[in-house]
Protein backbone atom coordinates (compact mmCIF):
# COMPACT_ATOMS: atom_id res chain seq x y z
CA MET A 1 73.03 115.31 -18.38
CA LEU A 2 72.75 119.17 -19.97
CA ASN A 3 70.11 117.49 -22.44
CA ASN A 4 67.81 116.87 -19.12
CA LEU A 5 68.37 120.19 -17.85
CA PHE A 6 68.42 122.52 -20.44
CA SER A 7 65.26 122.19 -23.14
CA ASN A 8 66.04 125.45 -25.09
CA GLN A 9 68.74 124.51 -27.85
CA ILE A 10 70.32 128.34 -27.61
CA VAL A 11 70.60 127.80 -23.65
CA LEU A 12 71.83 124.30 -24.03
CA GLY A 13 74.56 125.37 -26.55
CA LEU A 14 75.57 128.59 -24.70
CA VAL A 15 76.25 125.90 -21.49
CA GLN A 16 78.40 123.70 -23.61
CA ALA A 17 80.19 126.68 -25.05
CA ALA A 18 81.18 127.76 -21.31
CA ILE A 19 82.20 124.46 -20.31
CA ALA A 20 84.46 124.14 -23.29
CA PHE A 21 85.69 127.92 -22.61
CA THR A 22 86.41 127.17 -19.32
CA LEU A 23 88.27 124.03 -20.19
CA ALA A 24 90.44 125.98 -22.73
CA LEU A 25 91.38 128.43 -19.83
CA VAL A 26 92.53 125.27 -17.61
CA VAL A 27 94.91 125.12 -20.18
CA VAL A 28 96.07 128.62 -20.60
CA LEU A 29 96.40 128.89 -16.56
CA ILE A 30 98.74 125.63 -16.87
CA ALA A 31 100.58 127.01 -19.41
CA ASN A 32 100.94 129.92 -17.37
CA ARG A 33 102.45 128.40 -14.45
CA ARG A 34 104.88 127.27 -16.79
CA GLY A 35 106.23 130.53 -18.18
CA ILE A 36 103.95 130.13 -21.63
CA HIS A 37 102.22 133.45 -21.50
CA ILE A 38 99.40 132.80 -23.99
CA GLU A 39 96.63 134.17 -22.45
CA LYS A 40 95.41 137.10 -24.07
CA GLU A 41 95.80 135.47 -27.62
CA VAL A 42 93.89 132.50 -26.38
CA ILE A 43 91.28 134.46 -24.88
CA VAL A 44 90.99 136.65 -28.28
CA SER A 45 91.08 133.82 -30.29
CA LEU A 46 88.07 132.03 -28.09
CA LEU A 47 85.99 135.05 -28.28
CA ARG A 48 86.43 136.02 -31.78
CA GLY A 49 85.38 131.92 -33.01
CA ILE A 50 82.70 132.03 -30.97
CA VAL A 51 81.34 135.27 -32.36
CA GLN A 52 82.11 134.37 -35.72
CA ILE A 53 80.77 130.93 -35.92
CA THR A 54 77.77 132.01 -34.35
CA ALA A 55 77.35 134.77 -36.97
CA VAL A 56 78.39 132.63 -39.85
CA GLY A 57 75.71 129.57 -38.72
CA SER A 58 73.10 132.52 -38.15
CA VAL A 59 73.48 133.72 -42.21
CA LEU A 60 74.39 129.92 -43.36
CA LEU A 61 71.02 129.29 -44.48
CA ALA A 62 70.90 132.26 -46.43
CA LEU A 63 73.90 132.09 -47.88
CA LEU A 64 73.24 128.40 -49.20
CA LYS A 65 70.12 129.72 -50.94
CA SER A 66 72.12 132.15 -52.86
CA PRO A 67 73.36 132.38 -56.40
CA ASN A 68 76.37 130.30 -56.88
CA TRP A 69 78.17 133.35 -58.18
CA VAL A 70 78.10 134.35 -55.19
CA GLY A 71 80.50 131.85 -53.81
CA ILE A 72 83.49 133.36 -55.29
CA PRO A 73 83.73 137.11 -53.43
CA ILE A 74 83.14 134.66 -50.18
CA LEU A 75 86.61 132.76 -51.41
CA LEU A 76 87.97 135.56 -52.29
CA GLY A 77 87.08 136.98 -48.67
CA MET A 78 88.65 133.80 -47.26
CA PHE A 79 91.72 134.47 -48.83
CA PHE A 80 92.61 137.51 -47.47
CA ALA A 81 91.30 136.73 -44.04
CA ALA A 82 93.45 133.64 -44.10
CA GLY A 83 96.36 135.23 -45.71
CA ARG A 84 96.36 138.08 -42.85
CA THR A 85 96.04 134.86 -40.35
CA ALA A 86 99.04 133.25 -41.68
CA ALA A 87 101.00 136.10 -42.02
CA ARG A 88 100.73 137.33 -38.45
CA ARG A 89 103.29 134.06 -37.64
CA ALA A 90 105.98 135.85 -39.51
CA GLN A 91 105.82 139.43 -37.95
CA GLY A 92 108.97 141.36 -38.96
CA VAL A 93 109.34 139.24 -42.02
CA ASN A 94 108.98 141.80 -44.61
CA GLY A 95 106.44 141.09 -47.33
CA ALA A 96 104.74 138.24 -44.97
CA PHE A 97 101.25 139.05 -45.74
CA ASN A 98 101.92 139.27 -50.20
CA ALA A 99 103.40 136.22 -50.02
CA SER A 100 100.81 134.67 -47.75
CA PHE A 101 97.94 135.57 -49.75
CA TYR A 102 99.64 134.65 -52.79
CA GLY A 103 100.25 130.97 -51.73
CA ILE A 104 97.00 130.43 -50.18
CA ALA A 105 94.84 132.26 -52.81
CA LEU A 106 97.06 130.41 -56.08
CA ALA A 107 96.82 127.11 -54.18
CA SER A 108 93.26 127.31 -53.45
CA GLY A 109 92.41 128.80 -56.55
CA ILE A 110 94.09 126.05 -58.04
CA VAL A 111 93.12 123.19 -56.83
CA ILE A 112 88.98 124.42 -55.96
CA GLY A 113 88.97 124.96 -60.10
CA VAL A 114 90.67 121.64 -61.23
CA MET A 115 88.46 120.12 -59.07
CA SER A 116 85.12 122.04 -60.12
CA TRP A 117 86.17 121.78 -63.75
CA LEU A 118 86.25 118.08 -63.10
CA GLY A 119 83.01 117.73 -61.36
CA VAL A 120 84.81 116.52 -58.09
CA ILE A 121 83.41 119.58 -56.66
CA GLU A 122 79.79 120.53 -57.60
CA TYR A 123 79.92 124.25 -58.99
CA LYS A 124 77.18 124.79 -56.38
CA ILE A 125 77.53 127.17 -53.25
CA MET A 126 76.24 124.50 -51.25
CA SER A 127 79.33 122.45 -52.17
CA LEU A 128 81.86 125.37 -53.02
CA VAL A 129 81.68 127.22 -50.18
CA PRO A 130 81.90 124.37 -47.14
CA VAL A 131 84.28 122.52 -48.94
CA GLY A 132 86.37 125.17 -50.46
CA SER A 133 86.70 126.41 -46.63
CA MET A 134 88.13 123.39 -45.87
CA VAL A 135 90.98 123.70 -48.50
CA ILE A 136 91.67 127.90 -47.72
CA SER A 137 91.81 126.49 -44.20
CA ALA A 138 94.14 124.10 -44.63
CA ALA A 139 96.18 126.12 -46.96
CA MET A 140 96.60 128.86 -43.91
CA ASN A 141 97.40 126.76 -41.57
CA SER A 142 100.27 125.37 -43.58
CA ASN A 143 101.55 128.90 -44.41
CA ALA A 144 101.37 129.91 -40.76
CA LEU A 145 103.61 126.88 -39.81
CA ALA A 146 106.01 127.30 -42.62
CA LEU A 147 106.22 131.05 -42.17
CA ASN A 148 106.89 130.79 -38.56
CA ARG A 149 109.77 127.88 -38.96
CA PHE A 150 110.90 129.85 -41.92
CA LYS A 151 111.75 132.75 -39.54
CA ALA A 152 112.80 130.83 -36.52
CA GLU A 153 115.15 129.31 -38.56
CA ILE A 154 116.82 132.21 -40.22
CA THR A 155 116.75 134.36 -36.99
CA ALA A 156 118.76 131.31 -35.44
CA HIS A 157 121.20 130.84 -38.24
CA ILE A 158 122.13 134.58 -38.72
CA GLY A 159 125.68 133.97 -38.80
CA LEU A 160 125.85 130.93 -41.24
CA ILE A 161 124.22 133.00 -43.45
CA GLU A 162 125.86 135.92 -43.35
CA THR A 163 129.24 133.85 -43.85
CA ALA A 164 128.00 132.13 -46.68
CA LEU A 165 126.98 135.25 -48.29
CA SER A 166 130.57 137.07 -48.04
CA LEU A 167 131.52 133.76 -49.77
CA GLY A 168 129.93 134.35 -52.64
CA ALA A 169 126.76 132.05 -52.16
CA SER A 170 123.76 133.34 -53.75
CA PRO A 171 120.75 134.44 -51.55
CA GLU A 172 118.82 131.49 -52.81
CA GLU A 173 121.48 128.99 -51.70
CA THR A 174 122.24 130.40 -48.15
CA VAL A 175 118.44 129.97 -46.98
CA ARG A 176 117.72 126.90 -48.91
CA PRO A 177 117.95 124.52 -46.45
CA TYR A 178 115.53 126.85 -43.74
CA VAL A 179 112.93 126.55 -46.89
CA GLN A 180 112.75 123.05 -47.13
CA ALA A 181 113.14 122.44 -43.61
CA ALA A 182 109.78 125.13 -43.30
CA ILE A 183 107.80 123.24 -45.99
CA GLN A 184 108.90 119.91 -44.27
CA ALA A 185 107.40 120.92 -40.75
CA SER A 186 104.22 122.45 -42.46
CA LEU A 187 103.29 119.39 -44.36
CA ILE A 188 103.68 117.17 -40.70
CA PRO A 189 99.90 117.28 -39.50
CA ARG A 190 98.85 116.98 -43.34
CA ILE A 191 100.44 113.68 -43.60
CA ASP A 192 99.76 112.66 -39.88
CA ALA A 193 96.02 113.42 -40.77
CA LEU A 194 95.99 111.07 -43.98
CA ARG A 195 98.10 108.30 -42.13
CA THR A 196 95.69 108.14 -39.39
CA LEU A 197 92.41 108.82 -41.27
CA GLY A 198 89.46 106.36 -40.18
CA ILE A 199 91.67 105.04 -37.54
CA VAL A 200 92.61 108.23 -35.30
CA TRP A 201 90.60 110.71 -36.37
CA ILE A 202 86.92 109.88 -38.06
CA PRO A 203 85.91 113.38 -39.95
CA GLY A 204 83.00 115.24 -39.57
CA LEU A 205 82.26 115.38 -43.42
CA MET A 206 81.93 111.58 -43.91
CA THR A 207 79.79 111.56 -40.86
CA GLY A 208 77.52 114.18 -42.19
CA MET A 209 76.93 112.46 -45.54
CA ILE A 210 76.15 109.11 -43.97
CA LEU A 211 73.76 110.42 -41.67
CA ALA A 212 72.50 112.40 -44.51
CA GLY A 213 71.56 109.30 -46.41
CA SER A 214 74.94 108.87 -48.82
CA ASP A 215 76.14 104.90 -49.27
CA PRO A 216 78.84 104.54 -46.42
CA VAL A 217 81.85 103.40 -48.75
CA TYR A 218 80.99 106.77 -51.05
CA ALA A 219 81.16 109.29 -48.61
CA ALA A 220 84.26 107.43 -46.94
CA ILE A 221 86.00 107.43 -50.19
CA TYR A 222 84.84 111.43 -50.96
CA GLN A 223 86.12 112.31 -47.79
CA PHE A 224 89.44 110.62 -49.26
CA VAL A 225 89.20 112.88 -52.15
CA VAL A 226 89.20 115.69 -49.67
CA MET A 227 91.95 115.19 -47.45
CA GLY A 228 94.06 114.86 -50.86
CA MET A 229 92.72 118.01 -51.63
CA ILE A 230 93.54 119.71 -48.53
CA PHE A 231 97.34 117.91 -48.76
CA ALA A 232 97.75 119.49 -52.03
CA THR A 233 96.75 122.72 -51.39
CA ALA A 234 98.72 123.21 -48.24
CA GLY A 235 101.99 121.60 -49.85
CA LEU A 236 101.42 123.74 -52.92
CA SER A 237 100.27 126.73 -51.01
CA ALA A 238 103.53 126.48 -48.56
CA MET A 239 106.00 125.95 -51.46
CA ILE A 240 104.53 129.23 -53.43
CA THR A 241 104.91 131.02 -50.04
CA MET A 242 108.32 130.15 -49.29
CA ALA A 243 108.90 131.00 -53.14
CA PHE A 244 107.86 134.55 -52.54
CA ILE A 245 109.15 134.90 -49.06
CA GLN A 246 112.85 133.92 -49.34
CA LYS A 247 113.31 136.60 -51.78
CA GLN A 248 111.71 139.39 -49.22
CA VAL A 249 114.56 138.37 -46.51
CA PHE A 250 117.26 139.91 -48.72
CA SER A 251 117.82 143.59 -49.89
CA PRO A 252 118.34 144.21 -53.55
CA ALA A 253 122.07 144.09 -52.74
CA GLU A 254 121.89 140.54 -51.31
CA GLN A 255 122.16 141.40 -47.53
CA LEU A 256 120.44 139.72 -45.29
CA LEU A 257 117.36 141.83 -43.84
CA ILE A 258 116.85 140.71 -40.30
CA VAL A 259 115.00 142.96 -37.34
CA SER A 260 116.62 143.65 -34.19
CA ALA A 261 116.03 141.54 -30.93
CA GLN A 262 114.21 144.52 -29.73
CA GLN A 263 111.77 145.07 -32.72
CA ASN A 264 111.52 140.93 -32.17
CA GLY A 265 110.45 141.29 -28.75
CA ASN A 266 107.84 143.70 -30.06
CA SER A 267 106.27 142.00 -32.85
CA ASP A 268 105.98 139.20 -30.33
CA LYS A 269 103.89 141.00 -27.88
CA LYS A 270 101.82 142.20 -30.97
CA ASN A 271 101.26 138.83 -31.88
CA ASN A 272 99.98 137.67 -29.00
CA SER A 273 97.70 140.56 -28.67
C-alpha cells in the first residue's frame, strides 16, 4: 500500500521508519504501564540507530571502494564502540570496559584472523567489514549479557561470597559458579539461533547471496559458516571477558568490591540515560 502512495524511495523509507518507531513506542508505553521504565533508553537508542545506520548507508559505497587496509581501522573502531556499549551493562563494576574491550577484540580478532588466513573470509574490504561487523556484534551482545548476569549474581550473593572468603576460599573459587552462569546465559541466544537456523530464522546474508546469483546450497552453507563464526566469537569473548572481570571485583587483599545500593541506583539511572 505504501509503495502506491509514495514514489520517492527516501520519503517511503522515512514513512516506514516512522511506522516502526511508532510500534516500538507502543511497546515502551505498555512496559511503562507495567512499571518497566525504559522510555529514555529506548527512544535515544531508536534515534541513534536511525541516524547511525543512515550515515553508514550513505558512506558504505565509498568505503567498499577503498583499499583493503582501510578495513583494519574500521574494525578497530568497532571493537572500541562494542566494548563501550557492552560495559554499560556492568555499571559500578571495576574494569568493565577494559575486560569487555579485551574480550571482544581478542575473540573477534582471533576468529576473523584465522578465517581470513584460511580463505573463508576474503581479505577484501567488501567481505571483511560486513562479516567482521556481524562477528563483533555477536561478541558485543554476548559480553553485555554475560556482564549483566555476572553483576546480578554477585550482587545477589554478597553474603555467600564474603562467607566463603572468610573461611579461606580463594576469590576465583567463590565466584566460579556465577562466572559459569554468566557465560551460559550469554550463549543461550546463539545456541537457539543455531538450533532454529532455517526454520524460525532465515538470515539476510543467505537471502542476499541467493538474490545476487549465488548457488542456493552454497549460500546456505556459507550462512552456516558465518553462524559458526558468530557462536565461536560469542563464546570465546564471554569467557575472556569473565576471566578478566572476575579479578576486578576483588581488592589486592582479596576483599569483595561492591558498590553500595545507592550507587547502584545512580548507575542504573545513568544506564537508562
